Amino acid sequence: MVERKRFIVEIGMGADLHGGDVTKAAQRAVKDAMSRSCLCGLFDIAEIRDPNQMHVEVRLGCPQPEKVQIDKIKEVVPFGSVTVEAVLGGIDVKGLHLPALGDGDTIVVAVAALTVYVEMPQTV
């Protein structure tokens, strides 16, 4: 028998400074979390052979979570099966409207929690 075991939880933050795009902010938050994680223990300790054996749960906190394009968030995670949940959180604040950089003047900030799981033999 195997069971899913939690391997790591990493937190990231991302922002869209010009245009209030929650998906862009969320993608940056996921990339930020991943940039601080080297999962060598998956190979050295858990002894997986293929990074696609891992499962990544992404939980996002951002303003207007219903506007997050889930498929675009999944594209940011390079390996494994991925699930994404967007919940109300983060922050938005008035910024500076520069048409060349985006639509609107809203700065939006998202946070991401990435939890990586692997299938391990069940212990008795």
C-alpha atoms as a PDB file:
ATOM      1  CA  MET A   1       0.000   0.000   0.000  1.00  0.00           C
ATOM      2  CA  VAL A   2       1.041   3.562  -0.630  1.00  0.00           C
ATOM      3  CA  GLU A   3      -0.090   6.820   0.881  1.00  0.00           C
ATOM      4  CA  ARG A   4       0.434  10.425  -0.097  1.00  0.00           C
ATOM      5  CA  LYS A   5       2.988  12.116   2.181  1.00  0.00           C
ATOM      6  CA  ARG A   6       3.597  15.834   2.427  1.00  0.00           C
ATOM      7  CA  PHE A   7       7.180  16.670   1.512  1.00  0.00           C
ATOM      8  CA  ILE A   8       7.433  20.479   1.602  1.00  0.00           C
ATOM      9  CA  VAL A   9       5.350  23.641   1.947  1.00  0.00           C
ATOM     10  CA  GLU A  10       6.743  26.824   0.416  1.00  0.00           C
ATOM     11  CA  ILE A  11       5.266  30.332   0.371  1.00  0.00           C
ATOM     12  CA  GLY A  12       5.606  32.959  -2.349  1.00  0.00           C
ATOM     13  CA  MET A  13       4.393  36.462  -3.151  1.00  0.00           C
ATOM     14  CA  GLY A  14       3.742  38.073  -6.517  1.00  0.00           C
ATOM     15  CA  ALA A  15       2.401  41.374  -7.776  1.00  0.00           C
ATOM     16  CA  ASP A  16       1.083  42.966 -10.931  1.00  0.00           C
ATOM     17  CA  LEU A  17       2.081  46.615 -10.557  1.00  0.00           C
ATOM     18  CA  HIS A  18       0.169  48.016 -13.527  1.00  0.00           C
ATOM     19  CA  GLY A  19      -3.229  46.640 -14.374  1.00  0.00           C
ATOM     20  CA  GLY A  20      -4.594  44.602 -11.497  1.00  0.00           C
ATOM     21  CA  ASP A  21      -4.200  41.230 -13.240  1.00  0.00           C
ATOM     22  CA  VAL A  22      -4.743  38.648 -10.489  1.00  0.00           C
ATOM     23  CA  THR A  23      -3.604  35.782 -12.719  1.00  0.00           C
ATOM     24  CA  LYS A  24      -0.302  37.508 -13.452  1.00  0.00           C
ATOM     25  CA  ALA A  25       0.217  38.253  -9.750  1.00  0.00           C
ATOM     26  CA  ALA A  26      -0.653  34.647  -8.850  1.00  0.00           C
ATOM     27  CA  GLN A  27       1.750  33.237 -11.462  1.00  0.00           C
ATOM     28  CA  ARG A  28       4.507  35.384 -10.005  1.00  0.00           C
ATOM     29  CA  ALA A  29       3.649  34.197  -6.484  1.00  0.00           C
ATOM     30  CA  VAL A  30       3.918  30.559  -7.584  1.00  0.00           C
ATOM     31  CA  LYS A  31       7.241  31.234  -9.339  1.00  0.00           C
ATOM     32  CA  ASP A  32       8.499  33.025  -6.218  1.00  0.00           C
ATOM     33  CA  ALA A  33       7.688  30.002  -4.047  1.00  0.00           C
ATOM     34  CA  MET A  34       9.318  27.613  -6.508  1.00  0.00           C
ATOM     35  CA  SER A  35      12.451  29.762  -6.742  1.00  0.00           C
ATOM     36  CA  ARG A  36      13.239  28.971  -3.096  1.00  0.00           C
ATOM     37  CA  SER A  37      12.829  25.221  -3.354  1.00  0.00           C
ATOM     38  CA  CYS A  38      15.320  22.607  -4.476  1.00  0.00           C
ATOM     39  CA  LEU A  39      13.535  19.315  -4.027  1.00  0.00           C
ATOM     40  CA  CYS A  40      16.619  17.094  -4.094  1.00  0.00           C
ATOM     41  CA  GLY A  41      15.226  15.217  -1.101  1.00  0.00           C
ATOM     42  CA  LEU A  42      12.519  13.823  -3.365  1.00  0.00           C
ATOM     43  CA  PHE A  43      15.235  11.970  -5.246  1.00  0.00           C
ATOM     44  CA  ASP A  44      17.720  11.352  -2.411  1.00  0.00           C
ATOM     45  CA  ILE A  45      15.351  10.437   0.435  1.00  0.00           C
ATOM     46  CA  ALA A  46      11.956   9.626  -1.087  1.00  0.00           C
ATOM     47  CA  GLU A  47      13.785   7.936  -3.979  1.00  0.00           C
ATOM     48  CA  ILE A  48      11.416   9.011  -6.708  1.00  0.00           C
ATOM     49  CA  ARG A  49      12.817   8.577 -10.197  1.00  0.00           C
ATOM     50  CA  ASP A  50      10.581  10.945 -12.124  1.00  0.00           C
ATOM     51  CA  PRO A  51       9.590  14.458 -10.972  1.00  0.00           C
ATOM     52  CA  ASN A  52       6.146  13.809 -12.414  1.00  0.00           C
ATOM     53  CA  GLN A  53       5.565  11.401  -9.497  1.00  0.00           C
ATOM     54  CA  MET A  54       4.977  14.372  -7.210  1.00  0.00           C
ATOM     55  CA  HIS A  55       1.671  16.118  -6.639  1.00  0.00           C
ATOM     56  CA  VAL A  56       1.633  19.888  -6.140  1.00  0.00           C
ATOM     57  CA  GLU A  57      -1.250  21.629  -4.399  1.00  0.00           C
ATOM     58  CA  VAL A  58      -1.295  25.373  -5.036  1.00  0.00           C
ATOM     59  CA  ARG A  59      -3.393  27.558  -2.744  1.00  0.00           C
ATOM     60  CA  LEU A  60      -3.617  31.202  -3.750  1.00  0.00           C
ATOM     61  CA  GLY A  61      -4.825  34.165  -1.745  1.00  0.00           C
ATOM     62  CA  CYS A  62      -5.720  37.139  -3.908  1.00  0.00           C
ATOM     63  CA  PRO A  63      -8.361  39.805  -4.440  1.00  0.00           C
ATOM     64  CA  GLN A  64     -11.076  38.563  -6.812  1.00  0.00           C
ATOM     65  CA  PRO A  65     -10.085  34.876  -6.736  1.00  0.00           C
ATOM     66  CA  GLU A  66     -12.861  34.077  -9.205  1.00  0.00           C
ATOM     67  CA  LYS A  67     -10.844  35.922 -11.883  1.00  0.00           C
ATOM     68  CA  VAL A  68      -7.761  33.680 -11.544  1.00  0.00           C
ATOM     69  CA  GLN A  69      -7.241  31.635 -14.699  1.00  0.00           C
ATOM     70  CA  ILE A  70      -6.495  28.266 -13.111  1.00  0.00           C
ATOM     71  CA  ASP A  71      -5.043  26.704 -16.284  1.00  0.00           C
ATOM     72  CA  LYS A  72      -2.485  29.519 -16.540  1.00  0.00           C
ATOM     73  CA  ILE A  73      -1.396  28.869 -12.956  1.00  0.00           C
ATOM     74  CA  LYS A  74      -0.989  25.139 -13.653  1.00  0.00           C
ATOM     75  CA  GLU A  75       1.271  25.965 -16.625  1.00  0.00           C
ATOM     76  CA  VAL A  76       3.782  27.605 -14.268  1.00  0.00           C
ATOM     77  CA  VAL A  77       4.441  24.363 -12.350  1.00  0.00           C
ATOM     78  CA  PRO A  78       6.840  22.322 -14.536  1.00  0.00           C
ATOM     79  CA  PHE A  79       6.387  18.851 -13.002  1.00  0.00           C
ATOM     80  CA  GLY A  80       3.840  16.628 -11.341  1.00  0.00           C
ATOM     81  CA  SER A  81       0.103  16.666 -11.137  1.00  0.00           C
ATOM     82  CA  VAL A  82      -1.177  20.061 -10.039  1.00  0.00           C
ATOM     83  CA  THR A  83      -4.318  21.282  -8.312  1.00  0.00           C
ATOM     84  CA  VAL A  84      -5.063  24.959  -7.763  1.00  0.00           C
ATOM     85  CA  GLU A  85      -7.405  26.639  -5.303  1.00  0.00           C
ATOM     86  CA  ALA A  86      -7.891  30.418  -5.275  1.00  0.00           C
ATOM     87  CA  VAL A  87      -9.328  32.050  -2.160  1.00  0.00           C
ATOM     88  CA  LEU A  88      -9.963  35.606  -1.080  1.00  0.00           C
ATOM     89  CA  GLY A  89      -6.780  37.212   0.228  1.00  0.00           C
ATOM     90  CA  GLY A  90      -3.823  39.274  -0.888  1.00  0.00           C
ATOM     91  CA  ILE A  91      -4.327  42.994  -1.362  1.00  0.00           C
ATOM     92  CA  ASP A  92      -4.921  45.606  -3.999  1.00  0.00           C
ATOM     93  CA  VAL A  93      -4.005  49.268  -3.860  1.00  0.00           C
ATOM     94  CA  LYS A  94      -4.086  52.264  -6.170  1.00  0.00           C
ATOM     95  CA  GLY A  95      -0.917  52.518  -8.209  1.00  0.00           C
ATOM     96  CA  LEU A  96       0.108  54.409 -11.333  1.00  0.00           C
ATOM     97  CA  HIS A  97      -1.567  54.087 -14.728  1.00  0.00           C
ATOM     98  CA  LEU A  98       1.012  53.624 -17.472  1.00  0.00           C
ATOM     99  CA  PRO A  99      -0.779  52.347 -20.600  1.00  0.00           C
ATOM    100  CA  ALA A 100       2.396  50.780 -21.993  1.00  0.00           C
ATOM    101  CA  LEU A 101       2.575  48.490 -18.940  1.00  0.00           C
ATOM    102  CA  GLY A 102      -1.063  47.475 -18.440  1.00  0.00           C
ATOM    103  CA  ASP A 103      -4.698  48.457 -18.202  1.00  0.00           C
ATOM    104  CA  GLY A 104      -5.593  50.500 -15.154  1.00  0.00           C
ATOM    105  CA  ASP A 105      -3.867  51.807 -12.075  1.00  0.00           C
ATOM    106  CA  THR A 106      -4.360  48.939  -9.620  1.00  0.00           C
ATOM    107  CA  ILE A 107      -1.489  47.113  -7.946  1.00  0.00           C
ATOM    108  CA  VAL A 108      -2.601  43.623  -7.000  1.00  0.00           C
ATOM    109  CA  VAL A 109      -0.671  41.277  -4.709  1.00  0.00           C
ATOM    110  CA  ALA A 110      -1.188  37.524  -4.450  1.00  0.00           C
ATOM    111  CA  VAL A 111       0.315  34.975  -2.092  1.00  0.00           C
ATOM    112  CA  ALA A 112       0.810  31.317  -2.880  1.00  0.00           C
ATOM    113  CA  ALA A 113       1.324  28.261  -0.719  1.00  0.00           C
ATOM    114  CA  LEU A 114       2.723  25.278  -2.613  1.00  0.00           C
ATOM    115  CA  THR A 115       2.529  21.897  -0.935  1.00  0.00           C
ATOM    116  CA  VAL A 116       4.390  19.026  -2.569  1.00  0.00           C
ATOM    117  CA  TYR A 117       3.291  15.449  -1.899  1.00  0.00           C
ATOM    118  CA  VAL A 118       4.772  12.126  -2.938  1.00  0.00           C
ATOM    119  CA  GLU A 119       3.381   8.602  -2.843  1.00  0.00           C
ATOM    120  CA  MET A 120       5.281   6.584  -0.230  1.00  0.00           C
ATOM    121  CA  PRO A 121       4.910   3.029   1.066  1.00  0.00           C
ATOM    122  CA  GLN A 122       2.475   3.031   3.955  1.00  0.00           C
ATOM    123  CA  THR A 123       4.024   2.343   7.340  1.00  0.00           C
ATOM    124  CA  VAL A 124       2.254   0.180   9.861  1.00  0.00           C
END
